[in-house]
C-alpha atoms as a PDB file:
ATOM      1  CA  MET A   1      -5.252  21.134  13.364  1.00  0.00           C
ATOM      2  CA  ALA A   2      -5.996  17.670  11.972  1.00  0.00           C
ATOM      3  CA  SER A   3      -3.079  15.492  10.986  1.00  0.00           C
ATOM      4  CA  PRO A   4      -2.600  14.898   7.241  1.00  0.00           C
ATOM      5  CA  LEU A   5      -1.868  11.259   8.067  1.00  0.00           C
ATOM      6  CA  VAL A   6      -4.874   9.006   7.458  1.00  0.00           C
ATOM      7  CA  ILE A   7      -4.664   5.452   8.821  1.00  0.00           C
ATOM      8  CA  GLU A   8      -7.572   3.546   7.344  1.00  0.00           C
ATOM      9  CA  THR A   9      -6.875   0.277   9.163  1.00  0.00           C
ATOM     10  CA  LEU A  10      -4.166  -0.069  11.787  1.00  0.00           C
ATOM     11  CA  PRO A  11      -2.489  -3.473  11.338  1.00  0.00           C
ATOM     12  CA  GLU A  12      -2.526  -5.781  14.347  1.00  0.00           C
ATOM     13  CA  ASN A  13       0.297  -7.758  15.958  1.00  0.00           C
ATOM     14  CA  LEU A  14       3.008  -5.615  14.425  1.00  0.00           C
ATOM     15  CA  ARG A  15       6.511  -7.105  14.468  1.00  0.00           C
ATOM     16  CA  ARG A  16       9.162  -4.357  14.523  1.00  0.00           C
ATOM     17  CA  PRO A  17       8.275  -3.117  11.024  1.00  0.00           C
ATOM     18  CA  ILE A  18      10.822  -1.604   8.695  1.00  0.00           C
ATOM     19  CA  LEU A  19       9.474   1.344   6.713  1.00  0.00           C
ATOM     20  CA  ILE A  20      10.839   1.537   3.142  1.00  0.00           C
ATOM     21  CA  MET A  21      10.168   4.745   1.209  1.00  0.00           C
ATOM     22  CA  ALA A  22      10.822   5.938  -2.336  1.00  0.00           C
ATOM     23  CA  PHE A  23       9.858   9.167  -4.083  1.00  0.00           C
ATOM     24  CA  GLU A  24       9.325  10.028  -7.724  1.00  0.00           C
ATOM     25  CA  GLY A  25      11.225  13.015  -9.047  1.00  0.00           C
ATOM     26  CA  TRP A  26      14.597  14.471  -8.072  1.00  0.00           C
ATOM     27  CA  ASN A  27      15.489  11.501  -5.838  1.00  0.00           C
ATOM     28  CA  ASP A  28      14.606   8.896  -8.471  1.00  0.00           C
ATOM     29  CA  ALA A  29      16.955   8.932 -11.474  1.00  0.00           C
ATOM     30  CA  ALA A  30      15.679   6.609 -14.219  1.00  0.00           C
ATOM     31  CA  GLU A  31      12.796   5.673 -11.863  1.00  0.00           C
ATOM     32  CA  ALA A  32      15.014   3.077 -10.206  1.00  0.00           C
ATOM     33  CA  ALA A  33      13.972   3.709  -6.594  1.00  0.00           C
ATOM     34  CA  THR A  34      10.203   3.788  -7.147  1.00  0.00           C
ATOM     35  CA  THR A  35      10.406   0.777  -9.470  1.00  0.00           C
ATOM     36  CA  ALA A  36      12.124  -1.175  -6.684  1.00  0.00           C
ATOM     37  CA  ALA A  37       9.587  -0.089  -4.064  1.00  0.00           C
ATOM     38  CA  ARG A  38       6.577  -0.876  -6.255  1.00  0.00           C
ATOM     39  CA  PHE A  39       8.087  -4.237  -7.155  1.00  0.00           C
ATOM     40  CA  LEU A  40       8.138  -5.118  -3.447  1.00  0.00           C
ATOM     41  CA  ILE A  41       4.511  -4.073  -3.061  1.00  0.00           C
ATOM     42  CA  GLY A  42       3.445  -6.210  -6.012  1.00  0.00           C
ATOM     43  CA  GLY A  43       5.730  -9.141  -5.289  1.00  0.00           C
ATOM     44  CA  TRP A  44       4.503  -9.456  -1.724  1.00  0.00           C
ATOM     45  CA  ALA A  45       0.900  -8.431  -2.459  1.00  0.00           C
ATOM     46  CA  ALA A  46       1.234  -5.797   0.258  1.00  0.00           C
ATOM     47  CA  GLU A  47      -2.038  -4.293   1.488  1.00  0.00           C
ATOM     48  CA  LYS A  48      -2.637  -0.547   1.488  1.00  0.00           C
ATOM     49  CA  PHE A  49      -3.563   0.721   4.932  1.00  0.00           C
ATOM     50  CA  ALA A  50      -2.576   4.395   5.274  1.00  0.00           C
ATOM     51  CA  ARG A  51      -1.926   7.570   3.304  1.00  0.00           C
ATOM     52  CA  ILE A  52      -0.848  11.170   3.690  1.00  0.00           C
ATOM     53  CA  ASP A  53      -3.440  13.590   2.374  1.00  0.00           C
ATOM     54  CA  PRO A  54      -1.847  15.609  -0.450  1.00  0.00           C
ATOM     55  CA  GLU A  55      -3.674  18.912   0.040  1.00  0.00           C
ATOM     56  CA  GLU A  56      -0.920  20.691   1.994  1.00  0.00           C
ATOM     57  CA  PHE A  57       2.049  19.270   0.144  1.00  0.00           C
ATOM     58  CA  TYR A  58       1.508  19.367  -3.618  1.00  0.00           C
ATOM     59  CA  HIS A  59       1.142  21.963  -6.320  1.00  0.00           C
ATOM     60  CA  PHE A  60      -1.558  20.254  -8.370  1.00  0.00           C
ATOM     61  CA  GLY A  61      -0.513  22.137 -11.479  1.00  0.00           C
ATOM     62  CA  LEU A  62       2.805  20.286 -11.281  1.00  0.00           C
ATOM     63  CA  ALA A  63       1.530  16.924 -10.015  1.00  0.00           C
ATOM     64  CA  ARG A  64      -1.881  16.787 -11.602  1.00  0.00           C
ATOM     65  CA  PRO A  65      -4.605  14.511 -10.212  1.00  0.00           C
ATOM     66  CA  GLN A  66      -5.915  11.823 -12.550  1.00  0.00           C
ATOM     67  CA  VAL A  67      -9.530  11.177 -13.522  1.00  0.00           C
ATOM     68  CA  ARG A  68     -10.887   7.709 -14.253  1.00  0.00           C
ATOM     69  CA  PHE A  69     -14.166   5.853 -14.456  1.00  0.00           C
ATOM     70  CA  LYS A  70     -15.221   4.545 -11.057  1.00  0.00           C
ATOM     71  CA  GLY A  71     -15.604   0.825 -10.389  1.00  0.00           C
ATOM     72  CA  GLY A  72     -16.104  -0.169 -14.013  1.00  0.00           C
ATOM     73  CA  SER A  73     -18.773   2.452 -14.555  1.00  0.00           C
ATOM     74  CA  GLU A  74     -18.956   4.125 -17.966  1.00  0.00           C
ATOM     75  CA  THR A  75     -20.499   7.317 -16.583  1.00  0.00           C
ATOM     76  CA  GLU A  76     -19.322   7.945 -12.996  1.00  0.00           C
ATOM     77  CA  ARG A  77     -15.811   9.315 -12.607  1.00  0.00           C
ATOM     78  CA  GLU A  78     -13.440   9.666  -9.654  1.00  0.00           C
ATOM     79  CA  ILE A  79     -10.342  11.747  -8.985  1.00  0.00           C
ATOM     80  CA  LEU A  80      -7.052  10.105  -8.013  1.00  0.00           C
ATOM     81  CA  TRP A  81      -4.919  12.548  -6.033  1.00  0.00           C
ATOM     82  CA  PRO A  82      -1.111  12.263  -5.747  1.00  0.00           C
ATOM     83  CA  ALA A  83      -1.211  11.007  -2.151  1.00  0.00           C
ATOM     84  CA  THR A  84       1.557   9.181  -0.303  1.00  0.00           C
ATOM     85  CA  GLU A  85       0.328   5.615   0.133  1.00  0.00           C
ATOM     86  CA  PHE A  86       1.595   3.049   2.630  1.00  0.00           C
ATOM     87  CA  SER A  87       1.204  -0.714   2.180  1.00  0.00           C
ATOM     88  CA  ILE A  88       2.156  -3.468   4.605  1.00  0.00           C
ATOM     89  CA  VAL A  89       3.174  -7.095   4.291  1.00  0.00           C
ATOM     90  CA  GLN A  90       2.909  -9.407   7.323  1.00  0.00           C
ATOM     91  CA  GLU A  91       4.123 -12.830   6.255  1.00  0.00           C
ATOM     92  CA  PRO A  92       5.300 -15.635   8.578  1.00  0.00           C
ATOM     93  CA  GLU A  93       8.396 -16.220   6.428  1.00  0.00           C
ATOM     94  CA  LEU A  94       9.534 -12.648   7.057  1.00  0.00           C
ATOM     95  CA  ALA A  95      11.421 -12.001  10.273  1.00  0.00           C
ATOM     96  CA  ARG A  96       9.653  -8.658  10.594  1.00  0.00           C
ATOM     97  CA  ASP A  97       6.797  -6.776   8.978  1.00  0.00           C
ATOM     98  CA  VAL A  98       7.541  -4.473   6.064  1.00  0.00           C
ATOM     99  CA  ILE A  99       5.771  -1.214   5.270  1.00  0.00           C
ATOM    100  CA  VAL A 100       6.393   0.346   1.858  1.00  0.00           C
ATOM    101  CA  GLY A 101       5.569   3.968   1.097  1.00  0.00           C
ATOM    102  CA  VAL A 102       5.686   5.466  -2.398  1.00  0.00           C
ATOM    103  CA  ALA A 103       4.982   9.058  -3.363  1.00  0.00           C
ATOM    104  CA  ILE A 104       5.816  11.925  -5.658  1.00  0.00           C
ATOM    105  CA  GLU A 105       8.338  14.191  -3.971  1.00  0.00           C
ATOM    106  CA  PRO A 106       6.203  16.862  -2.256  1.00  0.00           C
ATOM    107  CA  HIS A 107       6.477  20.463  -3.403  1.00  0.00           C
ATOM    108  CA  LEU A 108       5.577  22.208  -0.146  1.00  0.00           C
ATOM    109  CA  LYS A 109       5.967  22.015   3.659  1.00  0.00           C
ATOM    110  CA  TRP A 110       8.667  19.365   3.816  1.00  0.00           C
ATOM    111  CA  ARG A 111       9.065  19.597   7.597  1.00  0.00           C
ATOM    112  CA  THR A 112       5.338  19.065   8.111  1.00  0.00           C
ATOM    113  CA  TYR A 113       5.406  16.213   5.624  1.00  0.00           C
ATOM    114  CA  CYS A 114       8.316  14.502   7.413  1.00  0.00           C
ATOM    115  CA  ALA A 115       6.479  14.890  10.705  1.00  0.00           C
ATOM    116  CA  ALA A 116       3.536  12.987   9.187  1.00  0.00           C
ATOM    117  CA  VAL A 117       5.858  10.174   8.059  1.00  0.00           C
ATOM    118  CA  LEU A 118       7.339   9.995  11.565  1.00  0.00           C
ATOM    119  CA  GLU A 119       3.838   9.941  13.038  1.00  0.00           C
ATOM    120  CA  LEU A 120       3.093   6.854  10.982  1.00  0.00           C
ATOM    121  CA  ALA A 121       6.437   5.319  11.977  1.00  0.00           C
ATOM    122  CA  ARG A 122       5.756   5.801  15.691  1.00  0.00           C
ATOM    123  CA  THR A 123       2.139   4.655  15.464  1.00  0.00           C
ATOM    124  CA  CYS A 124       3.262   1.439  13.749  1.00  0.00           C
ATOM    125  CA  GLN A 125       6.255   0.936  16.075  1.00  0.00           C
ATOM    126  CA  VAL A 126       8.665   1.148  13.153  1.00  0.00           C
ATOM    127  CA  SER A 127      12.209   0.163  14.105  1.00  0.00           C
ATOM    128  CA  LEU A 128      13.954   1.459  10.960  1.00  0.00           C
ATOM    129  CA  VAL A 129      13.198   3.940   8.181  1.00  0.00           C
ATOM    130  CA  LEU A 130      14.998   2.930   4.982  1.00  0.00           C
ATOM    131  CA  THR A 131      14.820   5.327   2.044  1.00  0.00           C
ATOM    132  CA  LEU A 132      15.673   4.346  -1.508  1.00  0.00           C
ATOM    133  CA  GLY A 133      17.086   6.722  -4.100  1.00  0.00           C
ATOM    134  CA  ALA A 134      18.868   6.851  -7.428  1.00  0.00           C
ATOM    135  CA  LEU A 135      21.320   9.504  -8.594  1.00  0.00           C
ATOM    136  CA  LEU A 136      23.043  10.426 -11.829  1.00  0.00           C
ATOM    137  CA  ALA A 137      26.731   9.605 -11.943  1.00  0.00           C
ATOM    138  CA  GLU A 138      29.597   9.315 -14.393  1.00  0.00           C
ATOM    139  CA  VAL A 139      29.440   5.529 -14.493  1.00  0.00           C
ATOM    140  CA  PRO A 140      29.247   3.121 -17.443  1.00  0.00           C
ATOM    141  CA  HIS A 141      26.159   0.977 -17.940  1.00  0.00           C
ATOM    142  CA  THR A 142      28.416  -2.032 -18.556  1.00  0.00           C
ATOM    143  CA  ARG A 143      29.577  -2.351 -14.933  1.00  0.00           C
ATOM    144  CA  PRO A 144      27.686  -3.606 -11.865  1.00  0.00           C
ATOM    145  CA  VAL A 145      25.510  -0.953 -10.257  1.00  0.00           C
ATOM    146  CA  GLN A 146      27.321   0.813  -7.455  1.00  0.00           C
ATOM    147  CA  LEU A 147      25.316   1.512  -4.297  1.00  0.00           C
ATOM    148  CA  VAL A 148      26.115   4.255  -1.812  1.00  0.00           C
ATOM    149  CA  GLY A 149      24.294   5.622   1.184  1.00  0.00           C
ATOM    150  CA  THR A 150      24.213   6.465   4.853  1.00  0.00           C
ATOM    151  CA  ALA A 151      23.061   4.834   8.072  1.00  0.00           C
ATOM    152  CA  THR A 152      22.769   5.949  11.676  1.00  0.00           C
ATOM    153  CA  ASP A 153      24.297   2.667  12.851  1.00  0.00           C
ATOM    154  CA  PRO A 154      27.716   1.485  11.574  1.00  0.00           C
ATOM    155  CA  GLU A 155      26.608  -2.150  11.849  1.00  0.00           C
ATOM    156  CA  LEU A 156      23.558  -1.388   9.702  1.00  0.00           C
ATOM    157  CA  ALA A 157      25.798   0.307   7.132  1.00  0.00           C
ATOM    158  CA  ARG A 158      27.963  -2.819   7.065  1.00  0.00           C
ATOM    159  CA  ARG A 159      24.948  -5.075   6.560  1.00  0.00           C
ATOM    160  CA  LEU A 160      23.731  -2.868   3.729  1.00  0.00           C
ATOM    161  CA  GLY A 161      27.212  -2.897   2.222  1.00  0.00           C
ATOM    162  CA  ILE A 162      27.328   0.869   1.793  1.00  0.00           C
ATOM    163  CA  ARG A 163      30.102   3.368   2.089  1.00  0.00           C
ATOM    164  CA  PRO A 164      29.150   6.928   2.993  1.00  0.00           C
ATOM    165  CA  THR A 165      28.902   9.336   0.096  1.00  0.00           C
ATOM    166  CA  ARG A 166      30.944  12.546   0.229  1.00  0.00           C
ATOM    167  CA  TYR A 167      28.267  14.504  -1.604  1.00  0.00           C
ATOM    168  CA  GLU A 168      27.442  18.049  -0.490  1.00  0.00           C
ATOM    169  CA  GLY A 169      24.945  20.237  -2.289  1.00  0.00           C
ATOM    170  CA  PRO A 170      21.230  20.397  -3.086  1.00  0.00           C
ATOM    171  CA  THR A 171      19.124  17.711  -1.472  1.00  0.00           C
ATOM    172  CA  GLY A 172      15.647  16.264  -1.883  1.00  0.00           C
ATOM    173  CA  ILE A 173      12.939  14.973   0.400  1.00  0.00           C
ATOM    174  CA  VAL A 174      14.966  11.794   1.005  1.00  0.00           C
ATOM    175  CA  GLY A 175      17.817  13.789   2.543  1.00  0.00           C
ATOM    176  CA  VAL A 176      15.449  15.883   4.621  1.00  0.00           C
ATOM    177  CA  LEU A 177      13.527  12.841   5.856  1.00  0.00           C
ATOM    178  CA  ASN A 178      16.695  11.023   6.891  1.00  0.00           C
ATOM    179  CA  THR A 179      18.008  14.054   8.764  1.00  0.00           C
ATOM    180  CA  THR A 180      14.626  14.475  10.493  1.00  0.00           C
ATOM    181  CA  CYS A 181      14.677  10.827  11.556  1.00  0.00           C
ATOM    182  CA  ARG A 182      18.159  11.221  13.064  1.00  0.00           C
ATOM    183  CA  GLU A 183      17.101  14.369  14.920  1.00  0.00           C
ATOM    184  CA  GLN A 184      14.087  12.505  16.316  1.00  0.00           C
ATOM    185  CA  GLU A 185      16.252   9.516  17.304  1.00  0.00           C
ATOM    186  CA  MET A 186      14.605   7.212  14.790  1.00  0.00           C
ATOM    187  CA  ALA A 187      16.986   4.656  13.232  1.00  0.00           C
ATOM    188  CA  THR A 188      17.399   5.434   9.560  1.00  0.00           C
ATOM    189  CA  ALA A 189      19.377   4.422   6.504  1.00  0.00           C
ATOM    190  CA  SER A 190      19.445   5.529   2.894  1.00  0.00           C
ATOM    191  CA  LEU A 191      20.409   3.373  -0.073  1.00  0.00           C
ATOM    192  CA  TRP A 192      21.169   4.967  -3.448  1.00  0.00           C
ATOM    193  CA  ALA A 193      21.937   3.459  -6.848  1.00  0.00           C
ATOM    194  CA  ASN A 194      24.356   5.196  -9.211  1.00  0.00           C
ATOM    195  CA  VAL A 195      22.680   5.546 -12.616  1.00  0.00           C
ATOM    196  CA  PRO A 196      24.632   6.307 -15.812  1.00  0.00           C
ATOM    197  CA  HIS A 197      23.797   9.911 -16.610  1.00  0.00           C
ATOM    198  CA  TYR A 198      23.534   9.257 -20.340  1.00  0.00           C
ATOM    199  CA  VAL A 199      20.618   6.824 -19.904  1.00  0.00           C
ATOM    200  CA  SER A 200      18.736   8.778 -17.257  1.00  0.00           C
ATOM    201  CA  GLY A 201      15.746   9.403 -19.512  1.00  0.00           C
ATOM    202  CA  ILE A 202      14.546   5.790 -19.569  1.00  0.00           C
ATOM    203  CA  GLU A 203      13.662   3.327 -16.839  1.00  0.00           C
ATOM    204  CA  ASN A 204      16.688   1.469 -15.526  1.00  0.00           C
ATOM    205  CA  PRO A 205      15.640  -1.999 -14.311  1.00  0.00           C
ATOM    206  CA  LYS A 206      19.268  -2.895 -13.634  1.00  0.00           C
ATOM    207  CA  ALA A 207      19.547  -0.199 -10.958  1.00  0.00           C
ATOM    208  CA  ALA A 208      16.171  -1.154  -9.476  1.00  0.00           C
ATOM    209  CA  LEU A 209      17.278  -4.793  -9.320  1.00  0.00           C
ATOM    210  CA  ALA A 210      20.472  -3.848  -7.493  1.00  0.00           C
ATOM    211  CA  LEU A 211      18.480  -1.908  -4.892  1.00  0.00           C
ATOM    212  CA  LEU A 212      16.038  -4.777  -4.424  1.00  0.00           C
ATOM    213  CA  ARG A 213      18.727  -7.395  -3.957  1.00  0.00           C
ATOM    214  CA  ARG A 214      20.428  -5.306  -1.292  1.00  0.00           C
ATOM    215  CA  VAL A 215      17.143  -4.682   0.551  1.00  0.00           C
ATOM    216  CA  LEU A 216      16.185  -8.359   0.415  1.00  0.00           C
ATOM    217  CA  GLY A 217      19.622  -9.240   1.765  1.00  0.00           C
ATOM    218  CA  LEU A 218      19.088  -6.917   4.708  1.00  0.00           C
ATOM    219  CA  LEU A 219      15.686  -8.456   5.422  1.00  0.00           C
ATOM    220  CA  ASP A 220      16.885 -12.017   4.742  1.00  0.00           C
ATOM    221  CA  ALA A 221      13.794 -12.276   2.543  1.00  0.00           C
ATOM    222  CA  LYS A 222      12.841 -13.441  -0.919  1.00  0.00           C
ATOM    223  CA  VAL A 223      10.609 -12.178  -3.701  1.00  0.00           C
ATOM    224  CA  ASP A 224      10.353 -13.429  -7.272  1.00  0.00           C
ATOM    225  CA  LEU A 225      12.670 -11.168  -9.283  1.00  0.00           C
ATOM    226  CA  THR A 226      12.253 -12.979 -12.608  1.00  0.00           C
ATOM    227  CA  ASP A 227      10.405 -10.167 -14.399  1.00  0.00           C
ATOM    228  CA  LEU A 228      12.950  -7.562 -13.328  1.00  0.00           C
ATOM    229  CA  GLU A 229      15.860  -9.841 -14.214  1.00  0.00           C
ATOM    230  CA  GLU A 230      14.425 -10.342 -17.704  1.00  0.00           C
ATOM    231  CA  ALA A 231      13.872  -6.603 -18.078  1.00  0.00           C
ATOM    232  CA  THR A 232      17.497  -6.027 -17.075  1.00  0.00           C
ATOM    233  CA  LYS A 233      18.752  -8.468 -19.709  1.00  0.00           C
ATOM    234  CA  GLN A 234      16.713  -6.703 -22.380  1.00  0.00           C
ATOM    235  CA  PHE A 235      17.894  -3.308 -21.143  1.00  0.00           C
ATOM    236  CA  GLU A 236      21.540  -4.352 -21.416  1.00  0.00           C
ATOM    237  CA  LYS A 237      20.974  -5.952 -24.826  1.00  0.00           C
ATOM    238  CA  ASN A 238      19.359  -2.773 -26.152  1.00  0.00           C
ATOM    239  CA  LEU A 239      22.188  -0.578 -24.890  1.00  0.00           C
ATOM    240  CA  ALA A 240      24.845  -2.912 -26.283  1.00  0.00           C
ATOM    241  CA  GLU A 241      23.188  -2.718 -29.683  1.00  0.00           C
ATOM    242  CA  ILE A 242      22.986   1.069 -29.544  1.00  0.00           C
ATOM    243  CA  VAL A 243      26.630   1.473 -28.487  1.00  0.00           C
ATOM    244  CA  SER A 244      27.853  -0.944 -31.158  1.00  0.00           C
ATOM    245  CA  GLN A 245      26.319   1.278 -33.832  1.00  0.00           C
ATOM    246  CA  ASN A 246      28.107   4.461 -32.790  1.00  0.00           C
ATOM    247  CA  ALA A 247      31.901   4.608 -32.521  1.00  0.00           C
ATOM    248  CA  LYS A 248      31.888   7.947 -30.720  1.00  0.00           C
ATOM    249  CA  VAL A 249      29.499   6.682 -28.093  1.00  0.00           C
ATOM    250  CA  ALA A 250      31.466   3.446 -27.707  1.00  0.00           C
ATOM    251  CA  ALA A 251      34.628   5.469 -27.068  1.00  0.00           C
ATOM    252  CA  TYR A 252      32.848   7.528 -24.420  1.00  0.00           C
ATOM    253  CA  VAL A 253      31.640   4.395 -22.621  1.00  0.00           C
ATOM    254  CA  LYS A 254      35.162   2.925 -22.701  1.00  0.00           C
ATOM    255  CA  LYS A 255      36.461   6.145 -21.169  1.00  0.00           C
ATOM    256  CA  LEU A 256      33.966   5.782 -18.318  1.00  0.00           C
ATOM    257  CA  GLU A 257      34.959   2.129 -17.871  1.00  0.00           C
ATOM    258  CA  ALA A 258      38.609   3.124 -17.509  1.00  0.00           C
ATOM    259  CA  LYS A 259      37.709   5.794 -14.992  1.00  0.00           C
ATOM    260  CA  ALA A 260      35.550   3.359 -13.001  1.00  0.00           C
ATOM    261  CA  ALA A 261      38.474   0.949 -12.785  1.00  0.00           C
ATOM    262  CA  GLU A 262      40.661   3.656 -11.257  1.00  0.00           C
ATOM    263  CA  GLU A 263      38.424   5.403  -8.784  1.00  0.00           C
ATOM    264  CA  GLU A 264      35.037   5.493  -7.123  1.00  0.00           C
ATOM    265  CA  PRO A 265      32.717   7.753  -9.133  1.00  0.00           C
ATOM    266  CA  GLU A 266      31.136  10.773  -7.554  1.00  0.00           C
ATOM    267  CA  PRO A 267      27.441  11.585  -7.983  1.00  0.00           C
ATOM    268  CA  ALA A 268      26.552  14.209 -10.546  1.00  0.00           C
ATOM    269  CA  PRO A 269      24.212  16.719  -8.900  1.00  0.00           C
ATOM    270  CA  ALA A 270      23.148  18.674 -11.971  1.00  0.00           C
ATOM    271  CA  PRO A 271      22.671  17.524 -15.580  1.00  0.00           C
ATOM    272  CA  GLU A 272      24.219  20.672 -17.013  1.00  0.00           C
ATOM    273  CA  GLU A 273      27.500  19.813 -15.270  1.00  0.00           C
ATOM    274  CA  LEU A 274      27.779  16.415 -16.953  1.00  0.00           C
ATOM    275  CA  PRO A 275      29.959  15.673 -19.967  1.00  0.00           C
ATOM    276  CA  PRO A 276      28.038  15.869 -23.240  1.00  0.00           C
ATOM    277  CA  ALA A 277      26.387  12.613 -24.211  1.00  0.00           C
ATOM    278  CA  SER A 278      23.864  13.876 -26.738  1.00  0.00           C
ATOM    279  CA  ASP A 279      24.866  11.276 -29.325  1.00  0.00           C
ATOM    280  CA  LEU A 280      23.955   8.398 -27.048  1.00  0.00           C
ATOM    281  CA  VAL A 281      20.729  10.055 -25.896  1.00  0.00           C
ATOM    282  CA  ALA A 282      19.691  10.546 -29.527  1.00  0.00           C
ATOM    283  CA  GLU A 283      20.561   6.949 -30.378  1.00  0.00           C
ATOM    284  CA  ILE A 284      18.523   5.646 -27.435  1.00  0.00           C
ATOM    285  CA  GLU A 285      15.486   7.765 -28.278  1.00  0.00           C
ATOM    286  CA  GLN A 286      15.575   6.651 -31.903  1.00  0.00           C
ATOM    287  CA  PHE A 287      15.994   3.011 -30.877  1.00  0.00           C
ATOM    288  CA  LEU A 288      13.061   3.184 -28.462  1.00  0.00           C
ATOM    289  CA  ARG A 289      10.838   4.801 -31.077  1.00  0.00           C
ATOM    290  CA  GLN A 290      11.601   1.904 -33.389  1.00  0.00           C
ATOM    291  CA  GLN A 291      10.692  -0.582 -30.630  1.00  0.00           C
ATOM    292  CA  ARG A 292       7.237   0.900 -29.976  1.00  0.00           C
ATOM    293  CA  PRO A 293       4.262  -0.982 -31.411  1.00  0.00           C
ATOM    294  CA  GLU A 294       2.560   0.755 -34.324  1.00  0.00           C
ATOM    295  CA  GLY A 295       0.012   3.299 -33.187  1.00  0.00           C
ATOM    296  CA  SER A 296       1.335   3.555 -29.626  1.00  0.00           C
ATOM    297  CA  LYS A 297       1.670   6.929 -27.953  1.00  0.00           C
ATOM    298  CA  ASP A 298       4.745   8.481 -26.354  1.00  0.00           C
END
């Protein structure tokens, strides 16, 4: 049986690459993890070189392919499938090569899917698989983003500045991939940003920025973060304005701030288990509608 992994061009002179992966969906609250991963790809102008064919792994009624005009043509169309794509950056200023993979969380055959990721890792002599994630938590948006995670090596955990989470319960492809890596004796680590549950419905550049800064610290690397820093400032300004207009919401945020000062927050595995925050959600949605240019679509 043919492998679902397709390597279009195998990079040469590989230098102990680190493979960074992020997945849309359950593992990606407020799109923080995939935003961080895509920012690295764009910031470093990473070149796409491999993919995992989606045929075995996706329900296309749930993750629909996209159609677009091909190469500027006004008549010929092409289909874009929800494949896992891998891009690589090989820059002299980096101590090692970096491969970034971004995908929608697969719906089917997770063990087969993880085997394909490990096949790529071994083929490219990857020395570390680092997964990024974002989870909902009872944390206020006014405090610095808290990062948690796991690592196979205590020294790596120290360098990432993470303390192990005590979470038990449902897991996603990130958890399965990390466990598979450990079982196959591949060094692995997972870095997660805590996202305020009451702003989970919009992109959170602040959480993405926190993930990026920690990853860049690990790599001792730089990338221009100006755009994300500006987006974070606007994000915080918008939320401050929303909270200032609603006394009930402001009281709820203060309650979370007091709790954060006393103890480390635990992740919130299911939205229905979270405290009600409908007032803030409604305020945010109304505010965002007012910010949209006239004639724009949802």
